Amino acid sequence: MQKVGFVGLGLMGLPMARNVLKAGFPLVVHNRTRAKAETLAAEGATVVDSPAELAAQCDVVLSCVPGPADVERVYLGDDGVLARARAGQLLCDMSTIDPDTQRRIAAAAEAKGAAYLDAPVSGGTSGARDGTLSIMAGGSAEAFAAIKPVFEAMGKSIYHVGPIGAGATVKLVNQMMGAICTLGVVEGLVLGARAGVDPDLLFDIVANSSGNSASLRGAAPNILKRNFEPGFTLDLMQKDVSLAVQMARGLDVRTLAGSLAEQVIREARAAGLGSRATFALVQPLERNAGVEVRGKEAR
């Protein structure tokens, strides 16, 4: 089987890498905080000290790190993947970043004779753990076909969406739309609670009416329980939505709702909620309205 390397073992990367290992692929890992890598070493992975060392040992290199600067460091840094990349290798970044950065790294990879894909994922930490992620890949059809068996270890809905940068584009659109929906959810829940409607009943009715959405079903139960422990943080949501709005400006597309969502997220982060779950967006609004959306279980 192909020997796979995985760089970035955060909330998403660690369970994704673990599923690659469980699928039987020999696995080499690197993480800036080595302790997270040692977790997989105990399960049979090999730990190395740099992305370059990892690239030297692997047929396929995957990465999942927070932002554009991190991806550039992983691939273009002095000890980055491209320092040791070789012809015929498959390189794939699965982070959520902008299309332009992906295209720039792809060009550098192609100069080394390596194939490159951008393949961000959706499905959250539960999808990463359960191997049920949606994976949206940009790159050549040949590279996609070659790497698909590795994707199948991590996801269930796997799409080839076009050339380099297409995966990043689809993911940013998804993130912006999700943030807009979340903003609607928290405003609706606070409005209903302030008007005196029982929050549990409100959620049940809307979840079975035209206001239903994946955002409602994901956020409302946690808000009702007052559980704001993150799977995906407001800091990361702001990064993604800002990248989406920036992309829209570059394409001369008006994104009024996206820009508003970005501003609301910034205000929540300014209130000290950046490390909390995305649905903590409800808390500043609750304070302004003088009410909490608290379900029976949390009373």
C-alpha atoms as a PDB file:
ATOM      1  CA  MET A   1       0.000   0.000   0.000  1.00  0.00           C
ATOM      2  CA  GLN A   2       1.009   3.605  -0.453  1.00  0.00           C
ATOM      3  CA  LYS A   3       2.996   5.007   2.448  1.00  0.00           C
ATOM      4  CA  VAL A   4       1.117   8.052   3.713  1.00  0.00           C
ATOM      5  CA  GLY A   5       2.420  11.059   5.614  1.00  0.00           C
ATOM      6  CA  PHE A   6       0.178  13.364   7.627  1.00  0.00           C
ATOM      7  CA  VAL A   7       1.191  16.843   8.813  1.00  0.00           C
ATOM      8  CA  GLY A   8      -1.014  18.585  11.413  1.00  0.00           C
ATOM      9  CA  LEU A   9      -2.662  16.609  14.179  1.00  0.00           C
ATOM     10  CA  GLY A  10      -5.188  19.047  15.606  1.00  0.00           C
ATOM     11  CA  LEU A  11      -8.869  18.507  16.364  1.00  0.00           C
ATOM     12  CA  MET A  12      -9.483  17.379  12.782  1.00  0.00           C
ATOM     13  CA  GLY A  13      -6.096  16.089  11.697  1.00  0.00           C
ATOM     14  CA  LEU A  14      -5.564  13.611  14.515  1.00  0.00           C
ATOM     15  CA  PRO A  15      -8.730  11.549  13.929  1.00  0.00           C
ATOM     16  CA  MET A  16      -8.277  11.808  10.154  1.00  0.00           C
ATOM     17  CA  ALA A  17      -4.740  10.456  10.404  1.00  0.00           C
ATOM     18  CA  ARG A  18      -5.893   7.741  12.775  1.00  0.00           C
ATOM     19  CA  ASN A  19      -8.445   6.537  10.228  1.00  0.00           C
ATOM     20  CA  VAL A  20      -5.767   6.390   7.531  1.00  0.00           C
ATOM     21  CA  LEU A  21      -3.731   4.191   9.873  1.00  0.00           C
ATOM     22  CA  LYS A  22      -6.747   2.022  10.702  1.00  0.00           C
ATOM     23  CA  ALA A  23      -7.335   1.469   6.984  1.00  0.00           C
ATOM     24  CA  GLY A  24      -3.961  -0.255   6.811  1.00  0.00           C
ATOM     25  CA  PHE A  25      -1.799   2.441   5.239  1.00  0.00           C
ATOM     26  CA  PRO A  26       1.729   2.694   6.687  1.00  0.00           C
ATOM     27  CA  LEU A  27       1.650   6.151   8.334  1.00  0.00           C
ATOM     28  CA  VAL A  28       4.295   8.772   9.075  1.00  0.00           C
ATOM     29  CA  VAL A  29       3.228  11.849  11.063  1.00  0.00           C
ATOM     30  CA  HIS A  30       4.550  15.259  12.020  1.00  0.00           C
ATOM     31  CA  ASN A  31       3.097  17.878  14.322  1.00  0.00           C
ATOM     32  CA  ARG A  32       4.617  21.018  15.793  1.00  0.00           C
ATOM     33  CA  THR A  33       3.597  19.780  19.252  1.00  0.00           C
ATOM     34  CA  ARG A  34       5.253  16.379  19.254  1.00  0.00           C
ATOM     35  CA  ALA A  35       3.106  15.008  22.097  1.00  0.00           C
ATOM     36  CA  LYS A  36       0.105  14.799  19.758  1.00  0.00           C
ATOM     37  CA  ALA A  37       2.170  12.814  17.279  1.00  0.00           C
ATOM     38  CA  GLU A  38       3.268  10.411  20.004  1.00  0.00           C
ATOM     39  CA  THR A  39      -0.392   9.485  20.514  1.00  0.00           C
ATOM     40  CA  LEU A  40      -0.360   7.918  17.052  1.00  0.00           C
ATOM     41  CA  ALA A  41       3.105   6.460  17.545  1.00  0.00           C
ATOM     42  CA  ALA A  42       1.602   4.254  20.237  1.00  0.00           C
ATOM     43  CA  GLU A  43      -0.845   3.003  17.596  1.00  0.00           C
ATOM     44  CA  GLY A  44       1.805   2.141  15.005  1.00  0.00           C
ATOM     45  CA  ALA A  45       2.667   5.399  13.217  1.00  0.00           C
ATOM     46  CA  THR A  46       6.198   6.699  12.717  1.00  0.00           C
ATOM     47  CA  VAL A  47       6.924  10.198  14.069  1.00  0.00           C
ATOM     48  CA  VAL A  48       9.370  12.532  12.299  1.00  0.00           C
ATOM     49  CA  ASP A  49      10.717  15.974  13.144  1.00  0.00           C
ATOM     50  CA  SER A  50       9.836  17.976  10.024  1.00  0.00           C
ATOM     51  CA  PRO A  51       7.582  18.024   6.961  1.00  0.00           C
ATOM     52  CA  ALA A  52      10.684  17.572   4.796  1.00  0.00           C
ATOM     53  CA  GLU A  53      11.671  14.369   6.601  1.00  0.00           C
ATOM     54  CA  LEU A  54       8.106  13.125   6.237  1.00  0.00           C
ATOM     55  CA  ALA A  55       8.052  13.869   2.508  1.00  0.00           C
ATOM     56  CA  ALA A  56      11.294  11.966   2.001  1.00  0.00           C
ATOM     57  CA  GLN A  57       9.677   8.795   3.348  1.00  0.00           C
ATOM     58  CA  CYS A  58       6.179   8.874   1.846  1.00  0.00           C
ATOM     59  CA  ASP A  59       4.350   8.290  -1.426  1.00  0.00           C
ATOM     60  CA  VAL A  60       1.388  10.454  -0.375  1.00  0.00           C
ATOM     61  CA  VAL A  61       1.591  13.559   1.827  1.00  0.00           C
ATOM     62  CA  LEU A  62      -1.513  14.997   3.501  1.00  0.00           C
ATOM     63  CA  SER A  63      -1.735  18.137   5.610  1.00  0.00           C
ATOM     64  CA  CYS A  64      -4.425  19.745   7.755  1.00  0.00           C
ATOM     65  CA  VAL A  65      -3.374  22.953   9.503  1.00  0.00           C
ATOM     66  CA  PRO A  66      -5.176  26.163  10.559  1.00  0.00           C
ATOM     67  CA  GLY A  67      -4.498  28.866   7.960  1.00  0.00           C
ATOM     68  CA  PRO A  68      -2.725  30.027   4.788  1.00  0.00           C
ATOM     69  CA  ALA A  69       0.539  30.932   6.550  1.00  0.00           C
ATOM     70  CA  ASP A  70       0.634  27.477   8.164  1.00  0.00           C
ATOM     71  CA  VAL A  71       0.128  25.732   4.824  1.00  0.00           C
ATOM     72  CA  GLU A  72       2.887  27.822   3.250  1.00  0.00           C
ATOM     73  CA  ARG A  73       5.224  26.909   6.112  1.00  0.00           C
ATOM     74  CA  VAL A  74       4.435  23.190   5.729  1.00  0.00           C
ATOM     75  CA  TYR A  75       5.122  23.141   1.982  1.00  0.00           C
ATOM     76  CA  LEU A  76       7.417  26.067   1.190  1.00  0.00           C
ATOM     77  CA  GLY A  77       9.419  26.439   4.420  1.00  0.00           C
ATOM     78  CA  ASP A  78      13.114  25.593   4.636  1.00  0.00           C
ATOM     79  CA  ASP A  79      12.197  22.219   6.162  1.00  0.00           C
ATOM     80  CA  GLY A  80       8.940  21.988   4.254  1.00  0.00           C
ATOM     81  CA  VAL A  81       7.520  19.218   2.109  1.00  0.00           C
ATOM     82  CA  LEU A  82       8.827  20.639  -1.171  1.00  0.00           C
ATOM     83  CA  ALA A  83      12.390  20.622   0.114  1.00  0.00           C
ATOM     84  CA  ARG A  84      12.296  16.819  -0.298  1.00  0.00           C
ATOM     85  CA  ALA A  85       9.424  16.305  -2.738  1.00  0.00           C
ATOM     86  CA  ARG A  86      10.058  14.181  -5.811  1.00  0.00           C
ATOM     87  CA  ALA A  87       8.534  13.300  -9.146  1.00  0.00           C
ATOM     88  CA  GLY A  88       5.489  11.045  -8.983  1.00  0.00           C
ATOM     89  CA  GLN A  89       4.620  11.964  -5.404  1.00  0.00           C
ATOM     90  CA  LEU A  90       1.045  12.885  -4.414  1.00  0.00           C
ATOM     91  CA  LEU A  91       0.716  15.968  -2.201  1.00  0.00           C
ATOM     92  CA  CYS A  92      -2.618  17.082  -0.790  1.00  0.00           C
ATOM     93  CA  ASP A  93      -3.530  19.900   1.556  1.00  0.00           C
ATOM     94  CA  MET A  94      -6.840  19.415   3.390  1.00  0.00           C
ATOM     95  CA  SER A  95      -6.854  22.723   5.268  1.00  0.00           C
ATOM     96  CA  THR A  96      -9.451  25.445   4.780  1.00  0.00           C
ATOM     97  CA  ILE A  97      -7.583  28.293   3.085  1.00  0.00           C
ATOM     98  CA  ASP A  98      -7.854  30.513   0.010  1.00  0.00           C
ATOM     99  CA  PRO A  99      -7.633  29.254  -3.587  1.00  0.00           C
ATOM    100  CA  ASP A 100      -4.741  31.562  -4.510  1.00  0.00           C
ATOM    101  CA  THR A 101      -2.428  30.070  -1.887  1.00  0.00           C
ATOM    102  CA  GLN A 102      -3.331  26.581  -3.079  1.00  0.00           C
ATOM    103  CA  ARG A 103      -2.535  27.477  -6.683  1.00  0.00           C
ATOM    104  CA  ARG A 104       0.806  28.993  -5.710  1.00  0.00           C
ATOM    105  CA  ILE A 105       1.860  25.871  -3.801  1.00  0.00           C
ATOM    106  CA  ALA A 106       0.597  23.629  -6.606  1.00  0.00           C
ATOM    107  CA  ALA A 107       2.829  25.447  -9.084  1.00  0.00           C
ATOM    108  CA  ALA A 108       5.840  24.913  -6.830  1.00  0.00           C
ATOM    109  CA  ALA A 109       4.944  21.222  -6.462  1.00  0.00           C
ATOM    110  CA  GLU A 110       4.594  20.779 -10.212  1.00  0.00           C
ATOM    111  CA  ALA A 111       8.081  22.242 -10.665  1.00  0.00           C
ATOM    112  CA  LYS A 112       9.301  19.291  -8.596  1.00  0.00           C
ATOM    113  CA  GLY A 113       7.304  16.819 -10.678  1.00  0.00           C
ATOM    114  CA  ALA A 114       4.854  16.118  -7.847  1.00  0.00           C
ATOM    115  CA  ALA A 115       1.067  16.144  -8.216  1.00  0.00           C
ATOM    116  CA  TYR A 116      -0.835  18.451  -5.871  1.00  0.00           C
ATOM    117  CA  LEU A 117      -4.463  18.645  -4.774  1.00  0.00           C
ATOM    118  CA  ASP A 118      -6.403  20.920  -2.464  1.00  0.00           C
ATOM    119  CA  ALA A 119      -9.046  18.876  -0.650  1.00  0.00           C
ATOM    120  CA  PRO A 120     -10.692  20.588   2.310  1.00  0.00           C
ATOM    121  CA  VAL A 121     -13.217  18.661   4.349  1.00  0.00           C
ATOM    122  CA  SER A 122     -16.572  19.213   6.027  1.00  0.00           C
ATOM    123  CA  GLY A 123     -18.269  17.245   8.761  1.00  0.00           C
ATOM    124  CA  GLY A 124     -16.650  18.492  11.945  1.00  0.00           C
ATOM    125  CA  THR A 125     -14.761  16.557  14.553  1.00  0.00           C
ATOM    126  CA  SER A 126     -17.434  13.853  14.691  1.00  0.00           C
ATOM    127  CA  GLY A 127     -17.099  13.252  10.955  1.00  0.00           C
ATOM    128  CA  ALA A 128     -13.310  13.175  11.279  1.00  0.00           C
ATOM    129  CA  ARG A 129     -13.590  10.636  14.093  1.00  0.00           C
ATOM    130  CA  ASP A 130     -16.159   8.441  12.340  1.00  0.00           C
ATOM    131  CA  GLY A 131     -14.555   8.600   8.888  1.00  0.00           C
ATOM    132  CA  THR A 132     -17.666  10.169   7.360  1.00  0.00           C
ATOM    133  CA  LEU A 133     -16.275  13.503   6.161  1.00  0.00           C
ATOM    134  CA  SER A 134     -17.247  15.213   2.936  1.00  0.00           C
ATOM    135  CA  ILE A 135     -14.081  15.785   0.902  1.00  0.00           C
ATOM    136  CA  MET A 136     -14.033  18.309  -1.960  1.00  0.00           C
ATOM    137  CA  ALA A 137     -10.902  18.027  -4.076  1.00  0.00           C
ATOM    138  CA  GLY A 138      -9.367  20.306  -6.667  1.00  0.00           C
ATOM    139  CA  GLY A 139      -6.631  19.000  -8.964  1.00  0.00           C
ATOM    140  CA  SER A 140      -6.137  16.787 -11.970  1.00  0.00           C
ATOM    141  CA  ALA A 141      -8.456  13.833 -12.535  1.00  0.00           C
ATOM    142  CA  GLU A 142      -5.429  11.523 -12.549  1.00  0.00           C
ATOM    143  CA  ALA A 143      -4.172  12.739  -9.165  1.00  0.00           C
ATOM    144  CA  PHE A 144      -7.688  12.491  -7.734  1.00  0.00           C
ATOM    145  CA  ALA A 145      -8.066   8.884  -8.898  1.00  0.00           C
ATOM    146  CA  ALA A 146      -4.670   7.976  -7.455  1.00  0.00           C
ATOM    147  CA  ILE A 147      -5.362   9.453  -4.030  1.00  0.00           C
ATOM    148  CA  LYS A 148      -9.019   8.440  -3.729  1.00  0.00           C
ATOM    149  CA  PRO A 149      -8.321   5.206  -1.782  1.00  0.00           C
ATOM    150  CA  VAL A 150      -6.701   7.327   0.927  1.00  0.00           C
ATOM    151  CA  PHE A 151      -9.661   9.729   0.923  1.00  0.00           C
ATOM    152  CA  GLU A 152     -11.982   6.755   1.377  1.00  0.00           C
ATOM    153  CA  ALA A 153     -10.316   6.025   4.704  1.00  0.00           C
ATOM    154  CA  MET A 154     -11.439   9.447   5.962  1.00  0.00           C
ATOM    155  CA  GLY A 155     -14.689  10.287   4.211  1.00  0.00           C
ATOM    156  CA  LYS A 156     -17.909   9.023   2.705  1.00  0.00           C
ATOM    157  CA  SER A 157     -18.874  11.827   0.330  1.00  0.00           C
ATOM    158  CA  ILE A 158     -15.876  12.408  -1.929  1.00  0.00           C
ATOM    159  CA  TYR A 159     -16.015  14.891  -4.787  1.00  0.00           C
ATOM    160  CA  HIS A 160     -13.670  15.956  -7.573  1.00  0.00           C
ATOM    161  CA  VAL A 161     -14.846  19.534  -8.114  1.00  0.00           C
ATOM    162  CA  GLY A 162     -12.380  20.864 -10.685  1.00  0.00           C
ATOM    163  CA  PRO A 163      -8.816  22.168 -11.047  1.00  0.00           C
ATOM    164  CA  ILE A 164      -6.519  23.366  -8.256  1.00  0.00           C
ATOM    165  CA  GLY A 165      -8.315  25.878  -6.048  1.00  0.00           C
ATOM    166  CA  ALA A 166     -11.794  24.515  -6.755  1.00  0.00           C
ATOM    167  CA  GLY A 167     -11.866  22.535  -3.525  1.00  0.00           C
ATOM    168  CA  ALA A 168     -10.900  25.612  -1.513  1.00  0.00           C
ATOM    169  CA  THR A 169     -13.555  27.669  -3.297  1.00  0.00           C
ATOM    170  CA  VAL A 170     -16.358  25.222  -2.527  1.00  0.00           C
ATOM    171  CA  LYS A 171     -15.288  24.961   1.105  1.00  0.00           C
ATOM    172  CA  LEU A 172     -15.232  28.727   1.620  1.00  0.00           C
ATOM    173  CA  VAL A 173     -18.689  29.037   0.060  1.00  0.00           C
ATOM    174  CA  ASN A 174     -19.909  26.332   2.437  1.00  0.00           C
ATOM    175  CA  GLN A 175     -18.357  28.045   5.449  1.00  0.00           C
ATOM    176  CA  MET A 176     -19.846  31.418   4.591  1.00  0.00           C
ATOM    177  CA  MET A 177     -23.296  29.932   4.055  1.00  0.00           C
ATOM    178  CA  GLY A 178     -23.046  28.022   7.334  1.00  0.00           C
ATOM    179  CA  ALA A 179     -22.100  31.173   9.237  1.00  0.00           C
ATOM    180  CA  ILE A 180     -25.016  33.086   7.720  1.00  0.00           C
ATOM    181  CA  CYS A 181     -27.386  30.293   8.762  1.00  0.00           C
ATOM    182  CA  THR A 182     -25.935  30.222  12.283  1.00  0.00           C
ATOM    183  CA  LEU A 183     -26.519  33.963  12.603  1.00  0.00           C
ATOM    184  CA  GLY A 184     -30.169  33.425  11.709  1.00  0.00           C
ATOM    185  CA  VAL A 185     -30.456  30.608  14.240  1.00  0.00           C
ATOM    186  CA  VAL A 186     -29.119  32.583  17.203  1.00  0.00           C
ATOM    187  CA  GLU A 187     -31.165  35.675  16.367  1.00  0.00           C
ATOM    188  CA  GLY A 188     -34.343  33.613  16.067  1.00  0.00           C
ATOM    189  CA  LEU A 189     -33.779  31.727  19.314  1.00  0.00           C
ATOM    190  CA  VAL A 190     -33.048  34.895  21.285  1.00  0.00           C
ATOM    191  CA  LEU A 191     -36.030  36.699  19.772  1.00  0.00           C
ATOM    192  CA  GLY A 192     -38.345  33.835  20.691  1.00  0.00           C
ATOM    193  CA  ALA A 193     -36.986  33.550  24.224  1.00  0.00           C
ATOM    194  CA  ARG A 194     -37.255  37.316  24.781  1.00  0.00           C
ATOM    195  CA  ALA A 195     -40.880  37.165  23.630  1.00  0.00           C
ATOM    196  CA  GLY A 196     -41.583  34.522  26.260  1.00  0.00           C
ATOM    197  CA  VAL A 197     -41.758  31.379  24.117  1.00  0.00           C
ATOM    198  CA  ASP A 198     -40.387  28.215  25.726  1.00  0.00           C
ATOM    199  CA  PRO A 199     -36.991  27.612  24.008  1.00  0.00           C
ATOM    200  CA  ASP A 200     -37.408  23.832  23.838  1.00  0.00           C
ATOM    201  CA  LEU A 201     -40.811  24.210  22.217  1.00  0.00           C
ATOM    202  CA  LEU A 202     -39.511  26.865  19.833  1.00  0.00           C
ATOM    203  CA  PHE A 203     -36.706  24.593  18.681  1.00  0.00           C
ATOM    204  CA  ASP A 204     -39.060  21.654  18.195  1.00  0.00           C
ATOM    205  CA  ILE A 205     -41.474  23.695  16.092  1.00  0.00           C
ATOM    206  CA  VAL A 206     -38.865  25.389  13.896  1.00  0.00           C
ATOM    207  CA  ALA A 207     -36.983  22.110  13.389  1.00  0.00           C
ATOM    208  CA  ASN A 208     -40.185  20.778  11.819  1.00  0.00           C
ATOM    209  CA  SER A 209     -40.983  23.909   9.837  1.00  0.00           C
ATOM    210  CA  SER A 210     -39.503  25.973   7.028  1.00  0.00           C
ATOM    211  CA  GLY A 211     -36.915  27.550   9.355  1.00  0.00           C
ATOM    212  CA  ASN A 212     -35.184  24.206   9.821  1.00  0.00           C
ATOM    213  CA  SER A 213     -31.531  23.840   8.807  1.00  0.00           C
ATOM    214  CA  ALA A 214     -28.414  21.844   9.603  1.00  0.00           C
ATOM    215  CA  SER A 215     -27.224  24.900  11.515  1.00  0.00           C
ATOM    216  CA  LEU A 216     -30.349  24.879  13.687  1.00  0.00           C
ATOM    217  CA  ARG A 217     -30.075  21.178  14.444  1.00  0.00           C
ATOM    218  CA  GLY A 218     -26.394  21.504  15.227  1.00  0.00           C
ATOM    219  CA  ALA A 219     -26.473  24.690  17.304  1.00  0.00           C
ATOM    220  CA  ALA A 220     -29.801  24.769  19.119  1.00  0.00           C
ATOM    221  CA  PRO A 221     -29.446  21.591  21.243  1.00  0.00           C
ATOM    222  CA  ASN A 222     -26.086  22.799  22.539  1.00  0.00           C
ATOM    223  CA  ILE A 223     -27.354  26.325  23.192  1.00  0.00           C
ATOM    224  CA  LEU A 224     -30.331  24.913  25.103  1.00  0.00           C
ATOM    225  CA  LYS A 225     -27.941  22.828  27.231  1.00  0.00           C
ATOM    226  CA  ARG A 226     -25.579  25.830  27.620  1.00  0.00           C
ATOM    227  CA  ASN A 227     -22.777  23.734  26.180  1.00  0.00           C
ATOM    228  CA  PHE A 228     -20.258  25.909  24.335  1.00  0.00           C
ATOM    229  CA  GLU A 229     -17.324  23.493  24.277  1.00  0.00           C
ATOM    230  CA  PRO A 230     -15.780  23.729  20.827  1.00  0.00           C
ATOM    231  CA  GLY A 231     -15.521  21.239  18.083  1.00  0.00           C
ATOM    232  CA  PHE A 232     -15.062  24.162  15.719  1.00  0.00           C
ATOM    233  CA  THR A 233     -14.200  27.538  17.220  1.00  0.00           C
ATOM    234  CA  LEU A 234     -15.302  31.081  16.510  1.00  0.00           C
ATOM    235  CA  ASP A 235     -11.653  31.925  15.773  1.00  0.00           C
ATOM    236  CA  LEU A 236     -11.629  29.408  12.930  1.00  0.00           C
ATOM    237  CA  MET A 237     -15.078  30.424  11.732  1.00  0.00           C
ATOM    238  CA  GLN A 238     -13.928  34.030  11.458  1.00  0.00           C
ATOM    239  CA  LYS A 239     -10.843  32.986   9.491  1.00  0.00           C
ATOM    240  CA  ASP A 240     -12.967  31.011   7.032  1.00  0.00           C
ATOM    241  CA  VAL A 241     -15.687  33.623   6.560  1.00  0.00           C
ATOM    242  CA  SER A 242     -13.121  36.400   6.145  1.00  0.00           C
ATOM    243  CA  LEU A 243     -11.382  34.357   3.443  1.00  0.00           C
ATOM    244  CA  ALA A 244     -14.736  33.807   1.717  1.00  0.00           C
ATOM    245  CA  VAL A 245     -15.597  37.512   1.783  1.00  0.00           C
ATOM    246  CA  GLN A 246     -12.099  38.375   0.546  1.00  0.00           C
ATOM    247  CA  MET A 247     -12.512  35.893  -2.307  1.00  0.00           C
ATOM    248  CA  ALA A 248     -15.864  37.449  -3.196  1.00  0.00           C
ATOM    249  CA  ARG A 249     -14.354  40.929  -3.330  1.00  0.00           C
ATOM    250  CA  GLY A 250     -11.675  39.674  -5.711  1.00  0.00           C
ATOM    251  CA  LEU A 251     -14.404  38.278  -7.970  1.00  0.00           C
ATOM    252  CA  ASP A 252     -16.618  41.395  -7.709  1.00  0.00           C
ATOM    253  CA  VAL A 253     -19.415  39.447  -6.042  1.00  0.00           C
ATOM    254  CA  ARG A 254     -21.546  41.248  -3.465  1.00  0.00           C
ATOM    255  CA  THR A 255     -21.815  39.266  -0.216  1.00  0.00           C
ATOM    256  CA  LEU A 256     -23.851  41.464   2.129  1.00  0.00           C
ATOM    257  CA  ALA A 257     -24.993  38.620   4.368  1.00  0.00           C
ATOM    258  CA  GLY A 258     -21.513  37.122   4.435  1.00  0.00           C
ATOM    259  CA  SER A 259     -19.963  40.450   5.403  1.00  0.00           C
ATOM    260  CA  LEU A 260     -22.551  40.910   8.154  1.00  0.00           C
ATOM    261  CA  ALA A 261     -21.839  37.440   9.513  1.00  0.00           C
ATOM    262  CA  GLU A 262     -18.121  38.234   9.480  1.00  0.00           C
ATOM    263  CA  GLN A 263     -18.730  41.399  11.516  1.00  0.00           C
ATOM    264  CA  VAL A 264     -20.910  39.610  14.086  1.00  0.00           C
ATOM    265  CA  ILE A 265     -18.259  36.928  14.508  1.00  0.00           C
ATOM    266  CA  ARG A 266     -15.595  39.607  15.014  1.00  0.00           C
ATOM    267  CA  GLU A 267     -17.718  41.200  17.750  1.00  0.00           C
ATOM    268  CA  ALA A 268     -18.124  37.845  19.514  1.00  0.00           C
ATOM    269  CA  ARG A 269     -14.374  37.301  19.383  1.00  0.00           C
ATOM    270  CA  ALA A 270     -13.822  40.789  20.766  1.00  0.00           C
ATOM    271  CA  ALA A 271     -16.029  39.739  23.683  1.00  0.00           C
ATOM    272  CA  GLY A 272     -13.541  36.956  24.473  1.00  0.00           C
ATOM    273  CA  LEU A 273     -15.433  34.086  22.844  1.00  0.00           C
ATOM    274  CA  GLY A 274     -12.946  33.185  20.108  1.00  0.00           C
ATOM    275  CA  SER A 275     -12.007  29.832  21.637  1.00  0.00           C
ATOM    276  CA  ARG A 276     -15.638  28.817  22.178  1.00  0.00           C
ATOM    277  CA  ALA A 277     -17.908  26.912  19.814  1.00  0.00           C
ATOM    278  CA  THR A 278     -19.387  28.764  16.849  1.00  0.00           C
ATOM    279  CA  PHE A 279     -22.856  28.821  18.389  1.00  0.00           C
ATOM    280  CA  ALA A 280     -21.461  30.947  21.223  1.00  0.00           C
ATOM    281  CA  LEU A 281     -22.483  33.713  18.819  1.00  0.00           C
ATOM    282  CA  VAL A 282     -25.713  33.631  20.800  1.00  0.00           C
ATOM    283  CA  GLN A 283     -24.132  34.947  23.996  1.00  0.00           C
ATOM    284  CA  PRO A 284     -23.522  38.626  23.074  1.00  0.00           C
ATOM    285  CA  LEU A 285     -27.032  38.797  21.647  1.00  0.00           C
ATOM    286  CA  GLU A 286     -28.450  37.271  24.839  1.00  0.00           C
ATOM    287  CA  ARG A 287     -26.654  39.891  26.926  1.00  0.00           C
ATOM    288  CA  ASN A 288     -28.049  42.691  24.781  1.00  0.00           C
ATOM    289  CA  ALA A 289     -31.581  41.269  25.050  1.00  0.00           C
ATOM    290  CA  GLY A 290     -31.337  40.448  28.757  1.00  0.00           C
ATOM    291  CA  VAL A 291     -32.369  36.827  28.269  1.00  0.00           C
ATOM    292  CA  GLU A 292     -30.801  33.360  28.007  1.00  0.00           C
ATOM    293  CA  VAL A 293     -31.896  30.620  25.655  1.00  0.00           C
ATOM    294  CA  ARG A 294     -31.890  27.921  28.311  1.00  0.00           C
ATOM    295  CA  GLY A 295     -33.650  24.588  27.873  1.00  0.00           C
ATOM    296  CA  LYS A 296     -35.311  22.550  30.604  1.00  0.00           C
ATOM    297  CA  GLU A 297     -32.215  20.354  31.065  1.00  0.00           C
ATOM    298  CA  ALA A 298     -30.084  23.395  31.931  1.00  0.00           C
ATOM    299  CA  ARG A 299     -32.559  25.113  34.282  1.00  0.00           C
END
